[in-house]
Each structure stands twice: as C-alpha cells, then as structure tokens.
Amino acid sequence: MFVMELSYTAPIEAVEEQMDAHIAWLDGYYASGIFLASGRKVPRDGGVILASGVSRAEIEKIAAEDPFTVTGVCAYRITEFIATKTSADLSTVRESPLT
C-alpha cells in the first residue's frame, strides 16, 4: 500500500486552476480500484492519497500523470507500507509481512 503525500509548490490559485483535471484523474484511479481514499491536508498545503494493488514503479508513473504534477503545482512524497491490520471495510487490501 502507498501513502501519496502531495505538497503544493505553487500558490493556491494555480492549484485551483488544475482542480477539475486533478479530480477527473482521481476518479479514473478510483474506478480502477487503485485509489482507496484521498483528501486535502489541514492546513491546505497539499493532500494525501491512499493507494493499493500496484508496484512502486506503477505508483510513481501514476503520480507523474497527475495534472498537478504535469503543470508543476505539486510535488509527491510516496511512502510504501505493508497494511497488516485494517478496518473491516479495508480487509480486501490487507497484506502479509514479507518476513
């Protein structure tokens, strides 16, 4: 599983100009089952996406396709972790430890 942390690198007005395209991009990955949750950080200086079911290389490619990335209004920090315990609602993405 991945935590995709977005940090805005441009004024919020520039981010807002790309919001519709960013939401359409999000919707596509929700439809594919890769994105599990997303939202704005508080304070509003970026966002967070939880993703699962793909490799590190694939998630980096997905982040590079985000209209926020393409237009240079955000930078990503991607953290991979093994979700060994989840709520019942997320049981389908639960993972086993590698060791």
PDB file of N, CA and C in Angstrom:
ATOM      1  N   MET A   1       0.854  -1.169   0.000  1.00  0.00           N
ATOM      2  CA  MET A   1       0.000   0.000   0.000  1.00  0.00           C
ATOM      3  C   MET A   1       0.897   1.228   0.000  1.00  0.00           C
ATOM      4  N   PHE A   2       0.353   2.310  -0.493  1.00  0.00           N
ATOM      5  CA  PHE A   2       1.126   3.548  -0.601  1.00  0.00           C
ATOM      6  C   PHE A   2       0.373   4.721   0.005  1.00  0.00           C
ATOM      7  N   VAL A   3       1.128   5.589   0.666  1.00  0.00           N
ATOM      8  CA  VAL A   3       0.652   6.903   1.062  1.00  0.00           C
ATOM      9  C   VAL A   3       1.303   7.874   0.095  1.00  0.00           C
ATOM     10  N   MET A   4       0.487   8.547  -0.667  1.00  0.00           N
ATOM     11  CA  MET A   4       0.970   9.526  -1.639  1.00  0.00           C
ATOM     12  C   MET A   4       0.687  10.911  -1.052  1.00  0.00           C
ATOM     13  N   GLU A   5       1.741  11.581  -0.606  1.00  0.00           N
ATOM     14  CA  GLU A   5       1.564  12.903   0.007  1.00  0.00           C
ATOM     15  C   GLU A   5       1.915  13.983  -1.007  1.00  0.00           C
ATOM     16  N   LEU A   6       0.961  14.850  -1.283  1.00  0.00           N
ATOM     17  CA  LEU A   6       1.153  15.964  -2.198  1.00  0.00           C
ATOM     18  C   LEU A   6       1.473  17.213  -1.389  1.00  0.00           C
ATOM     19  N   SER A   7       2.458  17.962  -1.841  1.00  0.00           N
ATOM     20  CA  SER A   7       2.763  19.274  -1.265  1.00  0.00           C
ATOM     21  C   SER A   7       2.686  20.290  -2.390  1.00  0.00           C
ATOM     22  N   TYR A   8       1.876  21.325  -2.186  1.00  0.00           N
ATOM     23  CA  TYR A   8       1.743  22.348  -3.212  1.00  0.00           C
ATOM     24  C   TYR A   8       3.038  23.134  -3.347  1.00  0.00           C
ATOM     25  N   THR A   9       3.411  23.372  -4.598  1.00  0.00           N
ATOM     26  CA  THR A   9       4.632  24.115  -4.903  1.00  0.00           C
ATOM     27  C   THR A   9       4.312  25.428  -5.617  1.00  0.00           C
ATOM     28  N   ALA A  10       3.038  25.751  -5.667  1.00  0.00           N
ATOM     29  CA  ALA A  10       2.568  26.966  -6.339  1.00  0.00           C
ATOM     30  C   ALA A  10       1.464  27.577  -5.485  1.00  0.00           C
ATOM     31  N   PRO A  11       1.136  28.833  -5.726  1.00  0.00           N
ATOM     32  CA  PRO A  11       0.042  29.463  -4.987  1.00  0.00           C
ATOM     33  C   PRO A  11      -1.260  28.686  -5.173  1.00  0.00           C
ATOM     34  N   ILE A  12      -2.135  28.761  -4.181  1.00  0.00           N
ATOM     35  CA  ILE A  12      -3.391  28.011  -4.194  1.00  0.00           C
ATOM     36  C   ILE A  12      -4.239  28.351  -5.419  1.00  0.00           C
ATOM     37  N   GLU A  13      -4.119  29.568  -5.937  1.00  0.00           N
ATOM     38  CA  GLU A  13      -4.873  29.946  -7.134  1.00  0.00           C
ATOM     39  C   GLU A  13      -4.461  29.088  -8.331  1.00  0.00           C
ATOM     40  N   ALA A  14      -3.181  28.799  -8.451  1.00  0.00           N
ATOM     41  CA  ALA A  14      -2.695  27.939  -9.540  1.00  0.00           C
ATOM     42  C   ALA A  14      -3.160  26.499  -9.347  1.00  0.00           C
ATOM     43  N   VAL A  15      -3.204  26.056  -8.093  1.00  0.00           N
ATOM     44  CA  VAL A  15      -3.718  24.718  -7.783  1.00  0.00           C
ATOM     45  C   VAL A  15      -5.184  24.631  -8.183  1.00  0.00           C
ATOM     46  N   GLU A  16      -5.975  25.632  -7.805  1.00  0.00           N
ATOM     47  CA  GLU A  16      -7.409  25.641  -8.117  1.00  0.00           C
ATOM     48  C   GLU A  16      -7.667  25.586  -9.620  1.00  0.00           C
ATOM     49  N   GLU A  17      -6.797  26.203 -10.415  1.00  0.00           N
ATOM     50  CA  GLU A  17      -6.964  26.173 -11.872  1.00  0.00           C
ATOM     51  C   GLU A  17      -6.878  24.754 -12.422  1.00  0.00           C
ATOM     52  N   GLN A  18      -6.180  23.874 -11.736  1.00  0.00           N
ATOM     53  CA  GLN A  18      -5.999  22.487 -12.173  1.00  0.00           C
ATOM     54  C   GLN A  18      -6.924  21.498 -11.470  1.00  0.00           C
ATOM     55  N   MET A  19      -7.773  21.985 -10.565  1.00  0.00           N
ATOM     56  CA  MET A  19      -8.560  21.098  -9.706  1.00  0.00           C
ATOM     57  C   MET A  19      -9.504  20.185 -10.485  1.00  0.00           C
ATOM     58  N   ASP A  20     -10.208  20.697 -11.488  1.00  0.00           N
ATOM     59  CA  ASP A  20     -11.131  19.844 -12.240  1.00  0.00           C
ATOM     60  C   ASP A  20     -10.389  18.697 -12.928  1.00  0.00           C
ATOM     61  N   ALA A  21      -9.253  18.992 -13.520  1.00  0.00           N
ATOM     62  CA  ALA A  21      -8.453  17.951 -14.181  1.00  0.00           C
ATOM     63  C   ALA A  21      -7.916  16.958 -13.157  1.00  0.00           C
ATOM     64  N   HIS A  22      -7.501  17.451 -12.001  1.00  0.00           N
ATOM     65  CA  HIS A  22      -6.997  16.579 -10.934  1.00  0.00           C
ATOM     66  C   HIS A  22      -8.108  15.642 -10.447  1.00  0.00           C
ATOM     67  N   ILE A  23      -9.316  16.164 -10.262  1.00  0.00           N
ATOM     68  CA  ILE A  23     -10.436  15.341  -9.800  1.00  0.00           C
ATOM     69  C   ILE A  23     -10.787  14.280 -10.843  1.00  0.00           C
ATOM     70  N   ALA A  24     -10.749  14.628 -12.110  1.00  0.00           N
ATOM     71  CA  ALA A  24     -11.009  13.639 -13.165  1.00  0.00           C
ATOM     72  C   ALA A  24      -9.950  12.540 -13.136  1.00  0.00           C
ATOM     73  N   TRP A  25      -8.694  12.917 -12.912  1.00  0.00           N
ATOM     74  CA  TRP A  25      -7.595  11.956 -12.789  1.00  0.00           C
ATOM     75  C   TRP A  25      -7.843  11.043 -11.589  1.00  0.00           C
ATOM     76  N   LEU A  26      -8.209  11.627 -10.439  1.00  0.00           N
ATOM     77  CA  LEU A  26      -8.541  10.830  -9.250  1.00  0.00           C
ATOM     78  C   LEU A  26      -9.657   9.842  -9.558  1.00  0.00           C
ATOM     79  N   ASP A  27     -10.726  10.320 -10.185  1.00  0.00           N
ATOM     80  CA  ASP A  27     -11.890   9.481 -10.473  1.00  0.00           C
ATOM     81  C   ASP A  27     -11.506   8.252 -11.292  1.00  0.00           C
ATOM     82  N   GLY A  28     -10.603   8.414 -12.238  1.00  0.00           N
ATOM     83  CA  GLY A  28     -10.161   7.292 -13.052  1.00  0.00           C
ATOM     84  C   GLY A  28      -9.483   6.210 -12.231  1.00  0.00           C
ATOM     85  N   TYR A  29      -8.657   6.617 -11.267  1.00  0.00           N
ATOM     86  CA  TYR A  29      -7.962   5.630 -10.443  1.00  0.00           C
ATOM     87  C   TYR A  29      -8.856   5.071  -9.339  1.00  0.00           C
ATOM     88  N   TYR A  30      -9.877   5.814  -8.912  1.00  0.00           N
ATOM     89  CA  TYR A  30     -10.886   5.227  -8.024  1.00  0.00           C
ATOM     90  C   TYR A  30     -11.657   4.148  -8.786  1.00  0.00           C
ATOM     91  N   ALA A  31     -12.026   4.434 -10.028  1.00  0.00           N
ATOM     92  CA  ALA A  31     -12.784   3.469 -10.833  1.00  0.00           C
ATOM     93  C   ALA A  31     -11.993   2.188 -11.071  1.00  0.00           C
ATOM     94  N   SER A  32     -10.668   2.308 -11.159  1.00  0.00           N
ATOM     95  CA  SER A  32      -9.829   1.128 -11.396  1.00  0.00           C
ATOM     96  C   SER A  32      -9.568   0.337 -10.115  1.00  0.00           C
ATOM     97  N   GLY A  33      -9.947   0.906  -8.960  1.00  0.00           N
ATOM     98  CA  GLY A  33      -9.746   0.234  -7.682  1.00  0.00           C
ATOM     99  C   GLY A  33      -8.395   0.483  -7.040  1.00  0.00           C
ATOM    100  N   ILE A  34      -7.568   1.316  -7.642  1.00  0.00           N
ATOM    101  CA  ILE A  34      -6.225   1.587  -7.102  1.00  0.00           C
ATOM    102  C   ILE A  34      -6.286   2.587  -5.952  1.00  0.00           C
ATOM    103  N   PHE A  35      -7.064   3.649  -6.096  1.00  0.00           N
ATOM    104  CA  PHE A  35      -7.169   4.652  -5.036  1.00  0.00           C
ATOM    105  C   PHE A  35      -8.247   4.236  -4.042  1.00  0.00           C
ATOM    106  N   LEU A  36      -7.913   4.345  -2.755  1.00  0.00           N
ATOM    107  CA  LEU A  36      -8.814   3.940  -1.679  1.00  0.00           C
ATOM    108  C   LEU A  36      -9.408   5.121  -0.931  1.00  0.00           C
ATOM    109  N   ALA A  37      -8.644   6.195  -0.782  1.00  0.00           N
ATOM    110  CA  ALA A  37      -9.087   7.394  -0.062  1.00  0.00           C
ATOM    111  C   ALA A  37      -8.195   8.554  -0.480  1.00  0.00           C
ATOM    112  N   SER A  38      -8.736   9.757  -0.395  1.00  0.00           N
ATOM    113  CA  SER A  38      -7.937  10.945  -0.709  1.00  0.00           C
ATOM    114  C   SER A  38      -8.585  12.160  -0.070  1.00  0.00           C
ATOM    115  N   GLY A  39      -7.794  13.216   0.059  1.00  0.00           N
ATOM    116  CA  GLY A  39      -8.336  14.457   0.590  1.00  0.00           C
ATOM    117  C   GLY A  39      -7.261  15.499   0.830  1.00  0.00           C
ATOM    118  N   ARG A  40      -7.714  16.688   1.192  1.00  0.00           N
ATOM    119  CA  ARG A  40      -6.823  17.820   1.460  1.00  0.00           C
ATOM    120  C   ARG A  40      -6.166  17.681   2.823  1.00  0.00           C
ATOM    121  N   LYS A  41      -4.948  18.192   2.922  1.00  0.00           N
ATOM    122  CA  LYS A  41      -4.288  18.288   4.226  1.00  0.00           C
ATOM    123  C   LYS A  41      -4.805  19.530   4.936  1.00  0.00           C
ATOM    124  N   VAL A  42      -4.686  19.523   6.243  1.00  0.00           N
ATOM    125  CA  VAL A  42      -5.048  20.676   7.069  1.00  0.00           C
ATOM    126  C   VAL A  42      -3.806  21.077   7.845  1.00  0.00           C
ATOM    127  N   PRO A  43      -3.263  22.265   7.606  1.00  0.00           N
ATOM    128  CA  PRO A  43      -3.743  23.321   6.728  1.00  0.00           C
ATOM    129  C   PRO A  43      -3.622  22.904   5.257  1.00  0.00           C
ATOM    130  N   ARG A  44      -4.296  23.632   4.406  1.00  0.00           N
ATOM    131  CA  ARG A  44      -4.397  23.273   2.987  1.00  0.00           C
ATOM    132  C   ARG A  44      -3.113  23.637   2.237  1.00  0.00           C
ATOM    133  N   ASP A  45      -2.122  22.783   2.408  1.00  0.00           N
ATOM    134  CA  ASP A  45      -0.861  22.971   1.688  1.00  0.00           C
ATOM    135  C   ASP A  45      -0.534  21.754   0.834  1.00  0.00           C
ATOM    136  N   GLY A  46      -1.545  20.908   0.593  1.00  0.00           N
ATOM    137  CA  GLY A  46      -1.364  19.705  -0.211  1.00  0.00           C
ATOM    138  C   GLY A  46      -2.485  18.726   0.059  1.00  0.00           C
ATOM    139  N   GLY A  47      -2.198  17.451  -0.190  1.00  0.00           N
ATOM    140  CA  GLY A  47      -3.206  16.425   0.005  1.00  0.00           C
ATOM    141  C   GLY A  47      -2.566  15.073   0.254  1.00  0.00           C
ATOM    142  N   VAL A  48      -3.414  14.068   0.454  1.00  0.00           N
ATOM    143  CA  VAL A  48      -2.966  12.705   0.707  1.00  0.00           C
ATOM    144  C   VAL A  48      -3.862  11.757  -0.083  1.00  0.00           C
ATOM    145  N   ILE A  49      -3.248  10.730  -0.669  1.00  0.00           N
ATOM    146  CA  ILE A  49      -3.979   9.673  -1.364  1.00  0.00           C
ATOM    147  C   ILE A  49      -3.482   8.343  -0.810  1.00  0.00           C
ATOM    148  N   LEU A  50      -4.400   7.429  -0.504  1.00  0.00           N
ATOM    149  CA  LEU A  50      -4.048   6.052  -0.162  1.00  0.00           C
ATOM    150  C   LEU A  50      -4.306   5.205  -1.399  1.00  0.00           C
ATOM    151  N   ALA A  51      -3.316   4.391  -1.780  1.00  0.00           N
ATOM    152  CA  ALA A  51      -3.417   3.576  -2.986  1.00  0.00           C
ATOM    153  C   ALA A  51      -2.911   2.172  -2.712  1.00  0.00           C
ATOM    154  N   SER A  52      -3.413   1.221  -3.505  1.00  0.00           N
ATOM    155  CA  SER A  52      -3.047  -0.175  -3.301  1.00  0.00           C
ATOM    156  C   SER A  52      -3.175  -0.949  -4.595  1.00  0.00           C
ATOM    157  N   GLY A  53      -2.471  -2.097  -4.645  1.00  0.00           N
ATOM    158  CA  GLY A  53      -2.662  -3.018  -5.754  1.00  0.00           C
ATOM    159  C   GLY A  53      -1.739  -2.843  -6.931  1.00  0.00           C
ATOM    160  N   VAL A  54      -0.740  -1.975  -6.808  1.00  0.00           N
ATOM    161  CA  VAL A  54       0.221  -1.760  -7.885  1.00  0.00           C
ATOM    162  C   VAL A  54       1.629  -1.725  -7.313  1.00  0.00           C
ATOM    163  N   SER A  55       2.607  -1.778  -8.175  1.00  0.00           N
ATOM    164  CA  SER A  55       4.012  -1.738  -7.760  1.00  0.00           C
ATOM    165  C   SER A  55       4.462  -0.302  -7.508  1.00  0.00           C
ATOM    166  N   ARG A  56       5.639  -0.172  -6.922  1.00  0.00           N
ATOM    167  CA  ARG A  56       6.236   1.147  -6.691  1.00  0.00           C
ATOM    168  C   ARG A  56       6.423   1.895  -8.014  1.00  0.00           C
ATOM    169  N   ALA A  57       6.925   1.198  -9.017  1.00  0.00           N
ATOM    170  CA  ALA A  57       7.136   1.836 -10.321  1.00  0.00           C
ATOM    171  C   ALA A  57       5.813   2.331 -10.901  1.00  0.00           C
ATOM    172  N   GLU A  58       4.754   1.542 -10.756  1.00  0.00           N
ATOM    173  CA  GLU A  58       3.447   1.944 -11.274  1.00  0.00           C
ATOM    174  C   GLU A  58       2.897   3.145 -10.523  1.00  0.00           C
ATOM    175  N   ILE A  59       3.054   3.173  -9.193  1.00  0.00           N
ATOM    176  CA  ILE A  59       2.508   4.294  -8.436  1.00  0.00           C
ATOM    177  C   ILE A  59       3.276   5.573  -8.755  1.00  0.00           C
ATOM    178  N   GLU A  60       4.569   5.470  -9.018  1.00  0.00           N
ATOM    179  CA  GLU A  60       5.348   6.649  -9.417  1.00  0.00           C
ATOM    180  C   GLU A  60       4.898   7.157 -10.783  1.00  0.00           C
ATOM    181  N   LYS A  61       4.578   6.242 -11.692  1.00  0.00           N
ATOM    182  CA  LYS A  61       4.066   6.630 -13.009  1.00  0.00           C
ATOM    183  C   LYS A  61       2.706   7.315 -12.868  1.00  0.00           C
ATOM    184  N   ILE A  62       1.852   6.767 -12.009  1.00  0.00           N
ATOM    185  CA  ILE A  62       0.536   7.362 -11.760  1.00  0.00           C
ATOM    186  C   ILE A  62       0.689   8.781 -11.217  1.00  0.00           C
ATOM    187  N   ALA A  63       1.579   8.978 -10.246  1.00  0.00           N
ATOM    188  CA  ALA A  63       1.805  10.310  -9.671  1.00  0.00           C
ATOM    189  C   ALA A  63       2.309  11.286 -10.738  1.00  0.00           C
ATOM    190  N   ALA A  64       3.146  10.793 -11.640  1.00  0.00           N
ATOM    191  CA  ALA A  64       3.689  11.654 -12.702  1.00  0.00           C
ATOM    192  C   ALA A  64       2.609  12.097 -13.685  1.00  0.00           C
ATOM    193  N   GLU A  65       1.513  11.335 -13.777  1.00  0.00           N
ATOM    194  CA  GLU A  65       0.417  11.666 -14.686  1.00  0.00           C
ATOM    195  C   GLU A  65      -0.587  12.651 -14.089  1.00  0.00           C
ATOM    196  N   ASP A  66      -0.518  12.881 -12.786  1.00  0.00           N
ATOM    197  CA  ASP A  66      -1.454  13.808 -12.137  1.00  0.00           C
ATOM    198  C   ASP A  66      -1.321  15.182 -12.784  1.00  0.00           C
ATOM    199  N   PRO A  67      -2.428  15.786 -13.194  1.00  0.00           N
ATOM    200  CA  PRO A  67      -2.349  17.135 -13.757  1.00  0.00           C
ATOM    201  C   PRO A  67      -1.649  18.135 -12.831  1.00  0.00           C
ATOM    202  N   PHE A  68      -1.737  17.937 -11.520  1.00  0.00           N
ATOM    203  CA  PHE A  68      -0.985  18.793 -10.597  1.00  0.00           C
ATOM    204  C   PHE A  68       0.511  18.666 -10.836  1.00  0.00           C
ATOM    205  N   THR A  69       0.989  17.441 -11.078  1.00  0.00           N
ATOM    206  CA  THR A  69       2.412  17.220 -11.339  1.00  0.00           C
ATOM    207  C   THR A  69       2.790  17.769 -12.707  1.00  0.00           C
ATOM    208  N   VAL A  70       1.981  17.449 -13.702  1.00  0.00           N
ATOM    209  CA  VAL A  70       2.270  17.863 -15.078  1.00  0.00           C
ATOM    210  C   VAL A  70       2.402  19.374 -15.181  1.00  0.00           C
ATOM    211  N   THR A  71       1.567  20.107 -14.455  1.00  0.00           N
ATOM    212  CA  THR A  71       1.599  21.574 -14.515  1.00  0.00           C
ATOM    213  C   THR A  71       2.519  22.194 -13.467  1.00  0.00           C
ATOM    214  N   GLY A  72       3.146  21.360 -12.649  1.00  0.00           N
ATOM    215  CA  GLY A  72       4.128  21.857 -11.697  1.00  0.00           C
ATOM    216  C   GLY A  72       3.573  22.538 -10.463  1.00  0.00           C
ATOM    217  N   VAL A  73       2.337  22.214 -10.061  1.00  0.00           N
ATOM    218  CA  VAL A  73       1.783  22.866  -8.870  1.00  0.00           C
ATOM    219  C   VAL A  73       1.919  22.015  -7.612  1.00  0.00           C
ATOM    220  N   CYS A  74       2.455  20.795  -7.739  1.00  0.00           N
ATOM    221  CA  CYS A  74       2.672  19.972  -6.549  1.00  0.00           C
ATOM    222  C   CYS A  74       3.863  19.052  -6.746  1.00  0.00           C
ATOM    223  N   ALA A  75       4.369  18.564  -5.627  1.00  0.00           N
ATOM    224  CA  ALA A  75       5.407  17.536  -5.614  1.00  0.00           C
ATOM    225  C   ALA A  75       4.884  16.394  -4.756  1.00  0.00           C
ATOM    226  N   TYR A  76       5.260  15.169  -5.114  1.00  0.00           N
ATOM    227  CA  TYR A  76       4.821  13.987  -4.376  1.00  0.00           C
ATOM    228  C   TYR A  76       5.926  13.430  -3.500  1.00  0.00           C
ATOM    229  N   ARG A  77       5.529  12.944  -2.351  1.00  0.00           N
ATOM    230  CA  ARG A  77       6.356  12.098  -1.495  1.00  0.00           C
ATOM    231  C   ARG A  77       5.567  10.799  -1.343  1.00  0.00           C
ATOM    232  N   ILE A  78       6.148   9.692  -1.777  1.00  0.00           N
ATOM    233  CA  ILE A  78       5.443   8.412  -1.773  1.00  0.00           C
ATOM    234  C   ILE A  78       6.089   7.496  -0.744  1.00  0.00           C
ATOM    235  N   THR A  79       5.262   6.994   0.176  1.00  0.00           N
ATOM    236  CA  THR A  79       5.719   6.072   1.208  1.00  0.00           C
ATOM    237  C   THR A  79       4.990   4.754   1.022  1.00  0.00           C
ATOM    238  N   GLU A  80       5.760   3.675   0.911  1.00  0.00           N
ATOM    239  CA  GLU A  80       5.165   2.343   0.808  1.00  0.00           C
ATOM    240  C   GLU A  80       5.144   1.708   2.192  1.00  0.00           C
ATOM    241  N   PHE A  81       4.048   1.024   2.511  1.00  0.00           N
ATOM    242  CA  PHE A  81       3.982   0.290   3.773  1.00  0.00           C
ATOM    243  C   PHE A  81       3.155  -0.974   3.577  1.00  0.00           C
ATOM    244  N   ILE A  82       3.298  -1.897   4.496  1.00  0.00           N
ATOM    245  CA  ILE A  82       2.557  -3.149   4.452  1.00  0.00           C
ATOM    246  C   ILE A  82       1.386  -3.030   5.424  1.00  0.00           C
ATOM    247  N   ALA A  83       0.176  -3.034   4.897  1.00  0.00           N
ATOM    248  CA  ALA A  83      -1.036  -2.861   5.701  1.00  0.00           C
ATOM    249  C   ALA A  83      -1.432  -4.213   6.305  1.00  0.00           C
ATOM    250  N   THR A  84      -0.808  -4.551   7.419  1.00  0.00           N
ATOM    251  CA  THR A  84      -1.074  -5.848   8.048  1.00  0.00           C
ATOM    252  C   THR A  84      -2.331  -5.847   8.901  1.00  0.00           C
ATOM    253  N   LYS A  85      -2.812  -4.680   9.267  1.00  0.00           N
ATOM    254  CA  LYS A  85      -4.048  -4.568  10.051  1.00  0.00           C
ATOM    255  C   LYS A  85      -4.876  -3.444   9.425  1.00  0.00           C
ATOM    256  N   THR A  86      -6.161  -3.722   9.233  1.00  0.00           N
ATOM    257  CA  THR A  86      -7.057  -2.739   8.628  1.00  0.00           C
ATOM    258  C   THR A  86      -8.427  -2.828   9.290  1.00  0.00           C
ATOM    259  N   SER A  87      -9.259  -1.852   9.005  1.00  0.00           N
ATOM    260  CA  SER A  87     -10.667  -1.953   9.392  1.00  0.00           C
ATOM    261  C   SER A  87     -11.312  -3.046   8.542  1.00  0.00           C
ATOM    262  N   ALA A  88     -12.472  -3.478   8.954  1.00  0.00           N
ATOM    263  CA  ALA A  88     -13.192  -4.496   8.182  1.00  0.00           C
ATOM    264  C   ALA A  88     -13.467  -4.004   6.767  1.00  0.00           C
ATOM    265  N   ASP A  89     -13.738  -2.721   6.611  1.00  0.00           N
ATOM    266  CA  ASP A  89     -14.025  -2.169   5.288  1.00  0.00           C
ATOM    267  C   ASP A  89     -12.832  -2.256   4.344  1.00  0.00           C
ATOM    268  N   LEU A  90     -11.620  -2.297   4.888  1.00  0.00           N
ATOM    269  CA  LEU A  90     -10.415  -2.369   4.062  1.00  0.00           C
ATOM    270  C   LEU A  90      -9.762  -3.755   4.093  1.00  0.00           C
ATOM    271  N   SER A  91     -10.488  -4.749   4.548  1.00  0.00           N
ATOM    272  CA  SER A  91      -9.898  -6.084   4.675  1.00  0.00           C
ATOM    273  C   SER A  91      -9.382  -6.633   3.350  1.00  0.00           C
ATOM    274  N   THR A  92      -9.939  -6.208   2.239  1.00  0.00           N
ATOM    275  CA  THR A  92      -9.504  -6.713   0.930  1.00  0.00           C
ATOM    276  C   THR A  92      -8.110  -6.226   0.548  1.00  0.00           C
ATOM    277  N   VAL A  93      -7.600  -5.185   1.195  1.00  0.00           N
ATOM    278  CA  VAL A  93      -6.261  -4.686   0.883  1.00  0.00           C
ATOM    279  C   VAL A  93      -5.242  -5.042   1.957  1.00  0.00           C
ATOM    280  N   ARG A  94      -5.654  -5.843   2.935  1.00  0.00           N
ATOM    281  CA  ARG A  94      -4.750  -6.284   3.994  1.00  0.00           C
ATOM    282  C   ARG A  94      -3.631  -7.111   3.389  1.00  0.00           C
ATOM    283  N   GLU A  95      -2.404  -6.939   3.919  1.00  0.00           N
ATOM    284  CA  GLU A  95      -1.222  -7.607   3.376  1.00  0.00           C
ATOM    285  C   GLU A  95      -0.532  -8.437   4.447  1.00  0.00           C
ATOM    286  N   SER A  96       0.264  -9.382   3.998  1.00  0.00           N
ATOM    287  CA  SER A  96       1.079 -10.176   4.900  1.00  0.00           C
ATOM    288  C   SER A  96       2.484  -9.600   4.950  1.00  0.00           C
ATOM    289  N   PRO A  97       3.131  -9.647   6.131  1.00  0.00           N
ATOM    290  CA  PRO A  97       4.503  -9.156   6.211  1.00  0.00           C
ATOM    291  C   PRO A  97       5.416  -9.987   5.303  1.00  0.00           C
ATOM    292  N   LEU A  98       6.466  -9.343   4.798  1.00  0.00           N
ATOM    293  CA  LEU A  98       7.410 -10.024   3.916  1.00  0.00           C
ATOM    294  C   LEU A  98       8.290 -10.999   4.657  1.00  0.00           C
ATOM    295  N   THR A  99       8.495 -10.783   5.962  1.00  0.00           N
ATOM    296  CA  THR A  99       9.369 -11.673   6.736  1.00  0.00           C
ATOM    297  C   THR A  99       8.601 -12.419   7.783  1.00  0.00           C
TER     298      THR A  99
END
